[in-house]
Amino acid sequence: MKPISTLALCTLLLISACQQNSNQKEQSEEPVIQAISLTGKSLYAPIRTEEQNKRLTDNLKEAEAAFEQEPNELNTIWLGRRHAYLTNYKKAIEIYTEGIRQFPESYRLYRHRGHRYVSTRQFDEAIVDFKKAYELMPKDKSEIEQDGIPNRLNRPLSNTQFNVLYHYGLAHYLKGEFEKAEEIYKECLLFSGNPDLLVATTDWLYMTLRKQGKVAAAEDLLTTISDDLEIIENDSYYKRIKMYQGALPMEELFKTDAVDAALSLATQGYGVANWYLYNGDTLKAKEIYEQILSAEGWSPFGYIAAEADMLGIN
């Protein structure tokens, strides 16, 4: 494979920075620290355009009205989710915590609180929640989970069982507990019933195996993914897999537009950095991790994983 061009990475960073500068002029709310990164950096909600903020705020108002009318389990979940989409993770965690007091057997509430513990870098708390969600959830079926941010076909693809296991494995991965993450991701494959879920689980399982030096098992795993899958929303994971297979040049992972530049840099860049790390080029991997962490989008899993890996290779 050809090395990734520094120009491609710099272009993504420039696009992301321009977005932030443009959006900042349209929103003047006082910044609130939502989390502290693994490297000690204060993390704030992103600056959004007035249109973006209005849409998310209107959705929150609808969730608040529904909750006030009937504070049941589902409305509690949506109230927390709407705060989370505004990157108010602290408030979301508070809502889920109070919800768990009211509905102590709700594996769905544990699943969502665990997710936001991951977002705020509280991995031990996340693991406790996902373990509890796993113990409580039914395992003989897949329950469709509605999207808060619908995909281009407005078709929900994920299920609660998948989301519990997927994020449970991720929390262990981020802690460097790869053997446990491997066990969980293998079970998650059982609930990855469509191409989008399959490539997401396979991607993280592949990286988990490579982190343990299980190269043969990782390469065998790649053979389960064909090059003709119809992907609706997890194209980033599919591209990473095809890069690992040698079917897609690294440069292709950085071809994007201004809409998703920061997300692309975190998600695609993390895969490229890992490829260098697997192949013994720690300096190049570190260079890409640093570029990921210099961007503004700190909530993608690739960004969080880059934080964790930087601590491991410094």
Protein backbone atom coordinates (compact mmCIF):
# COMPACT_ATOMS: atom_id res chain seq x y z
CA MET A 1 0.00 0.00 0.00
CA LYS A 2 1.14 3.59 -0.63
CA PRO A 3 1.79 5.76 2.45
CA ILE A 4 -0.94 8.25 3.23
CA SER A 5 -0.12 11.70 1.99
CA THR A 6 0.42 14.40 4.63
CA LEU A 7 -1.40 16.79 2.29
CA ALA A 8 -4.58 14.69 2.53
CA LEU A 9 -4.51 14.79 6.31
CA CYS A 10 -3.77 18.51 6.40
CA THR A 11 -6.63 19.18 3.99
CA LEU A 12 -9.06 17.39 6.30
CA LEU A 13 -7.79 19.38 9.27
CA LEU A 14 -8.15 22.64 7.33
CA ILE A 15 -11.72 21.81 6.32
CA SER A 16 -12.60 20.95 9.91
CA ALA A 17 -11.01 24.15 11.23
CA CYS A 18 -12.88 26.27 8.67
CA GLN A 19 -16.15 24.67 9.75
CA GLN A 20 -15.45 25.51 13.37
CA ASN A 21 -14.51 29.14 12.62
CA SER A 22 -17.58 29.62 10.44
CA ASN A 23 -19.96 28.04 12.94
CA GLN A 24 -18.51 29.93 15.89
CA LYS A 25 -19.74 33.19 14.42
CA GLU A 26 -23.29 31.84 14.45
CA GLN A 27 -23.41 30.63 18.05
CA SER A 28 -22.32 32.49 21.17
CA GLU A 29 -23.27 30.24 24.08
CA GLU A 30 -20.81 29.98 26.93
CA PRO A 31 -18.78 26.77 26.58
CA VAL A 32 -19.30 24.09 29.24
CA ILE A 33 -16.77 21.35 29.91
CA GLN A 34 -18.43 18.03 29.11
CA ALA A 35 -15.48 15.71 29.73
CA ILE A 36 -11.74 15.53 30.22
CA SER A 37 -9.81 13.66 27.56
CA LEU A 38 -7.46 10.82 28.44
CA THR A 39 -4.62 13.23 27.72
CA GLY A 40 -5.99 15.84 30.15
CA LYS A 41 -7.66 18.18 27.66
CA SER A 42 -10.95 19.91 28.53
CA LEU A 43 -13.67 18.89 26.08
CA TYR A 44 -16.59 21.14 25.15
CA ALA A 45 -19.74 20.80 23.08
CA PRO A 46 -18.98 21.67 19.44
CA ILE A 47 -19.93 25.00 17.95
CA ARG A 48 -22.98 24.52 15.72
CA THR A 49 -24.77 26.67 13.22
CA GLU A 50 -28.01 28.33 14.24
CA GLU A 51 -29.92 25.92 12.01
CA GLN A 52 -28.26 22.84 13.51
CA ASN A 53 -28.79 24.08 17.04
CA LYS A 54 -32.46 24.89 16.39
CA ARG A 55 -33.15 21.43 14.97
CA LEU A 56 -31.55 19.67 17.94
CA THR A 57 -33.18 22.01 20.44
CA ASP A 58 -36.61 21.53 18.86
CA ASN A 59 -36.14 17.76 19.14
CA LEU A 60 -35.21 18.18 22.79
CA LYS A 61 -38.33 20.25 23.46
CA GLU A 62 -40.48 17.48 21.97
CA ALA A 63 -38.75 14.92 24.19
CA GLU A 64 -39.27 17.12 27.25
CA ALA A 65 -42.97 17.50 26.47
CA ALA A 66 -43.40 13.76 26.01
CA PHE A 67 -41.56 13.06 29.27
CA GLU A 68 -43.64 15.59 31.20
CA GLN A 69 -46.80 13.98 29.90
CA GLU A 70 -45.64 10.43 30.67
CA PRO A 71 -42.26 9.84 32.40
CA ASN A 72 -42.02 6.20 31.35
CA GLU A 73 -38.91 4.21 30.42
CA LEU A 74 -39.02 5.04 26.70
CA ASN A 75 -39.56 8.77 27.20
CA THR A 76 -36.77 8.85 29.77
CA ILE A 77 -34.42 7.27 27.22
CA TRP A 78 -35.36 9.76 24.52
CA LEU A 79 -34.98 12.70 26.87
CA GLY A 80 -31.45 11.55 27.65
CA ARG A 81 -30.68 10.87 23.99
CA ARG A 82 -31.81 14.33 22.91
CA HIS A 83 -29.54 15.95 25.51
CA ALA A 84 -26.70 13.70 24.33
CA TYR A 85 -27.16 14.76 20.70
CA LEU A 86 -26.59 18.31 21.93
CA THR A 87 -23.37 16.98 23.53
CA ASN A 88 -24.79 17.61 26.98
CA TYR A 89 -23.49 14.25 28.16
CA LYS A 90 -23.48 15.16 31.83
CA LYS A 91 -27.19 15.94 31.74
CA ALA A 92 -27.90 12.77 29.76
CA ILE A 93 -26.10 10.67 32.37
CA GLU A 94 -28.11 12.35 35.14
CA ILE A 95 -31.36 11.56 33.33
CA TYR A 96 -30.40 7.92 32.77
CA THR A 97 -29.31 7.59 36.39
CA GLU A 98 -32.65 8.86 37.66
CA GLY A 99 -34.38 6.61 35.13
CA ILE A 100 -32.54 3.58 36.48
CA ARG A 101 -33.78 4.45 39.95
CA GLN A 102 -37.32 4.40 38.59
CA PHE A 103 -36.80 1.37 36.30
CA PRO A 104 -34.03 -0.72 37.87
CA GLU A 105 -34.52 -3.63 35.46
CA SER A 106 -34.17 -1.47 32.34
CA TYR A 107 -31.27 -2.88 30.33
CA ARG A 108 -31.98 -0.16 27.77
CA LEU A 109 -31.25 2.60 30.27
CA TYR A 110 -28.04 0.86 31.34
CA ARG A 111 -27.09 0.54 27.65
CA HIS A 112 -27.54 4.28 27.00
CA ARG A 113 -25.85 5.44 30.19
CA GLY A 114 -22.94 3.13 29.45
CA HIS A 115 -22.61 4.67 25.99
CA ARG A 116 -22.30 8.15 27.47
CA TYR A 117 -19.84 6.96 30.07
CA VAL A 118 -17.69 5.91 27.11
CA SER A 119 -18.15 9.36 25.54
CA THR A 120 -16.96 10.99 28.77
CA ARG A 121 -14.01 8.59 29.14
CA GLN A 122 -15.43 6.83 32.22
CA PHE A 123 -14.66 3.33 31.02
CA ASP A 124 -14.95 1.50 34.33
CA GLU A 125 -18.43 2.91 34.89
CA ALA A 126 -19.35 2.01 31.31
CA ILE A 127 -18.23 -1.58 31.78
CA VAL A 128 -20.35 -1.92 34.93
CA ASP A 129 -23.40 -0.62 33.05
CA PHE A 130 -22.92 -2.82 30.00
CA LYS A 131 -22.36 -5.88 32.17
CA LYS A 132 -25.65 -5.13 33.93
CA ALA A 133 -27.43 -4.49 30.62
CA TYR A 134 -26.08 -7.77 29.26
CA GLU A 135 -27.31 -9.69 32.31
CA LEU A 136 -30.79 -8.16 32.05
CA MET A 137 -31.39 -8.17 28.31
CA PRO A 138 -33.12 -11.03 26.47
CA LYS A 139 -30.57 -12.93 24.38
CA ASP A 140 -32.90 -15.02 22.24
CA LYS A 141 -33.98 -12.14 19.99
CA SER A 142 -32.87 -8.84 18.47
CA GLU A 143 -34.91 -5.77 19.38
CA ILE A 144 -34.78 -2.99 16.80
CA GLU A 145 -33.52 0.28 18.27
CA GLN A 146 -34.89 3.44 16.71
CA ASP A 147 -32.39 5.99 15.39
CA GLY A 148 -32.16 9.44 16.87
CA ILE A 149 -30.27 10.59 13.79
CA PRO A 150 -31.82 8.60 10.91
CA ASN A 151 -29.67 7.28 8.07
CA ARG A 152 -30.20 8.30 4.43
CA LEU A 153 -32.94 5.66 3.98
CA ASN A 154 -34.60 6.44 7.31
CA ARG A 155 -34.31 2.74 8.12
CA PRO A 156 -33.23 1.68 11.64
CA LEU A 157 -30.48 -0.92 11.32
CA SER A 158 -29.22 -1.58 14.83
CA ASN A 159 -30.73 -3.51 17.70
CA THR A 160 -30.44 -3.21 21.46
CA GLN A 161 -28.55 -6.48 21.91
CA PHE A 162 -25.99 -5.42 19.31
CA ASN A 163 -25.56 -2.00 20.92
CA VAL A 164 -25.03 -3.45 24.38
CA LEU A 165 -22.33 -5.85 23.18
CA TYR A 166 -20.73 -3.48 20.67
CA HIS A 167 -20.19 -0.74 23.24
CA TYR A 168 -19.33 -3.26 25.97
CA GLY A 169 -16.52 -4.59 23.81
CA LEU A 170 -15.43 -1.06 22.97
CA ALA A 171 -15.12 -0.07 26.63
CA HIS A 172 -12.78 -3.01 27.24
CA TYR A 173 -10.84 -2.22 24.04
CA LEU A 174 -10.30 1.36 25.18
CA LYS A 175 -8.95 0.09 28.50
CA GLY A 176 -6.53 -2.21 26.70
CA GLU A 177 -8.40 -5.31 27.87
CA PHE A 178 -8.29 -6.94 24.46
CA GLU A 179 -8.90 -10.54 25.48
CA LYS A 180 -12.21 -9.58 27.08
CA ALA A 181 -13.09 -7.31 24.15
CA GLU A 182 -12.46 -10.20 21.75
CA GLU A 183 -14.85 -12.46 23.67
CA ILE A 184 -17.57 -9.81 23.61
CA TYR A 185 -17.16 -8.87 19.95
CA LYS A 186 -17.42 -12.52 18.93
CA GLU A 187 -20.78 -12.70 20.66
CA CYS A 188 -21.74 -9.38 19.11
CA LEU A 189 -21.36 -10.98 15.69
CA LEU A 190 -24.41 -13.12 16.55
CA PHE A 191 -26.51 -9.93 16.64
CA SER A 192 -24.86 -8.30 13.60
CA GLY A 193 -27.60 -9.37 11.24
CA ASN A 194 -27.09 -6.95 8.37
CA PRO A 195 -24.03 -5.72 6.42
CA ASP A 196 -23.76 -2.44 8.33
CA LEU A 197 -23.60 -4.13 11.72
CA LEU A 198 -21.39 -6.89 10.38
CA VAL A 199 -18.68 -4.56 9.11
CA ALA A 200 -18.74 -2.48 12.31
CA THR A 201 -18.27 -5.51 14.57
CA THR A 202 -15.75 -7.14 12.26
CA ASP A 203 -13.67 -3.97 12.09
CA TRP A 204 -13.32 -3.67 15.86
CA LEU A 205 -12.79 -7.39 16.30
CA TYR A 206 -10.04 -7.29 13.67
CA MET A 207 -8.29 -4.46 15.51
CA THR A 208 -8.75 -6.30 18.81
CA LEU A 209 -7.07 -9.41 17.40
CA ARG A 210 -4.21 -7.39 15.92
CA LYS A 211 -3.64 -5.66 19.26
CA GLN A 212 -3.05 -9.12 20.74
CA GLY A 213 -0.71 -10.18 17.96
CA LYS A 214 -3.23 -12.73 16.63
CA VAL A 215 -2.38 -11.96 13.02
CA ALA A 216 -3.57 -15.24 11.48
CA ALA A 217 -6.95 -15.05 13.21
CA ALA A 218 -7.32 -11.42 12.17
CA GLU A 219 -6.53 -12.22 8.53
CA ASP A 220 -8.98 -15.12 8.56
CA LEU A 221 -11.65 -12.76 9.87
CA LEU A 222 -11.16 -10.43 6.90
CA THR A 223 -12.07 -13.24 4.51
CA THR A 224 -15.63 -13.20 5.87
CA ILE A 225 -16.24 -9.74 4.37
CA SER A 226 -16.94 -9.64 0.63
CA ASP A 227 -16.36 -6.67 -1.65
CA ASP A 228 -19.98 -6.34 -2.77
CA LEU A 229 -21.82 -5.57 0.45
CA GLU A 230 -24.59 -2.97 0.36
CA ILE A 231 -23.67 -0.51 3.11
CA ILE A 232 -26.12 2.17 4.19
CA GLU A 233 -24.43 3.99 7.07
CA ASN A 234 -21.19 2.28 8.14
CA ASP A 235 -19.16 3.00 5.05
CA SER A 236 -16.20 4.15 7.16
CA TYR A 237 -15.82 0.72 8.77
CA TYR A 238 -16.22 -1.00 5.41
CA LYS A 239 -13.46 1.17 3.93
CA ARG A 240 -11.14 0.35 6.82
CA ILE A 241 -11.73 -3.37 6.29
CA LYS A 242 -11.06 -3.08 2.57
CA MET A 243 -7.85 -1.21 3.35
CA TYR A 244 -6.77 -4.00 5.71
CA GLN A 245 -7.59 -6.49 2.95
CA GLY A 246 -5.35 -4.59 0.56
CA ALA A 247 -8.32 -3.85 -1.71
CA LEU A 248 -8.44 -0.09 -1.08
CA PRO A 249 -5.51 2.37 -1.10
CA MET A 250 -5.08 4.38 2.08
CA GLU A 251 -5.63 7.64 0.20
CA GLU A 252 -9.22 6.62 -0.49
CA LEU A 253 -10.01 6.71 3.22
CA PHE A 254 -9.40 10.44 3.32
CA LYS A 255 -11.57 11.43 0.37
CA THR A 256 -14.49 13.27 1.95
CA ASP A 257 -16.36 16.57 1.95
CA ALA A 258 -16.72 19.42 4.39
CA VAL A 259 -19.83 17.92 6.01
CA ASP A 260 -18.07 15.00 7.67
CA ALA A 261 -14.40 16.05 7.60
CA ALA A 262 -13.79 15.82 11.35
CA LEU A 263 -15.60 12.50 11.68
CA SER A 264 -13.77 11.10 8.67
CA LEU A 265 -10.41 12.15 10.06
CA ALA A 266 -11.11 10.43 13.38
CA THR A 267 -12.67 7.26 11.99
CA GLN A 268 -10.65 6.70 8.86
CA GLY A 269 -7.46 8.13 10.32
CA TYR A 270 -7.55 5.76 13.26
CA GLY A 271 -7.66 2.79 10.89
CA VAL A 272 -4.69 4.11 8.90
CA ALA A 273 -2.71 4.83 12.07
CA ASN A 274 -3.38 1.28 13.24
CA TRP A 275 -2.14 -0.12 9.92
CA TYR A 276 1.16 1.65 10.44
CA LEU A 277 1.30 0.46 14.05
CA TYR A 278 0.65 -3.16 13.04
CA ASN A 279 3.48 -2.88 10.53
CA GLY A 280 5.99 -1.51 13.01
CA ASP A 281 5.97 2.17 12.01
CA THR A 282 5.20 3.65 15.43
CA LEU A 283 6.38 7.14 14.47
CA LYS A 284 3.97 7.37 11.53
CA ALA A 285 1.13 5.99 13.65
CA LYS A 286 1.84 8.57 16.33
CA GLU A 287 1.90 11.34 13.73
CA ILE A 288 -1.60 10.41 12.57
CA TYR A 289 -2.91 10.01 16.13
CA GLU A 290 -1.66 13.52 16.88
CA GLN A 291 -3.42 14.91 13.81
CA ILE A 292 -6.65 13.21 14.85
CA LEU A 293 -6.38 14.72 18.32
CA SER A 294 -5.70 18.20 16.95
CA ALA A 295 -9.17 18.27 15.35
CA GLU A 296 -12.30 19.47 17.15
CA GLY A 297 -14.50 16.38 16.90
CA TRP A 298 -13.75 14.51 20.13
CA SER A 299 -16.79 12.24 20.42
CA PRO A 300 -16.11 9.66 17.63
CA PHE A 301 -14.81 6.33 18.88
CA GLY A 302 -11.76 6.68 16.64
CA TYR A 303 -10.83 9.88 18.45
CA ILE A 304 -11.19 8.26 21.87
CA ALA A 305 -9.20 5.23 20.72
CA ALA A 306 -6.48 7.53 19.38
CA GLU A 307 -6.25 9.11 22.84
CA ALA A 308 -5.88 5.68 24.43
CA ASP A 309 -3.28 4.54 21.91
CA MET A 310 -1.23 7.72 22.28
CA LEU A 311 -0.94 7.00 25.99
CA GLY A 312 0.17 3.47 25.17
CA ILE A 313 2.91 4.39 22.68
CA ASN A 314 4.32 7.54 24.29
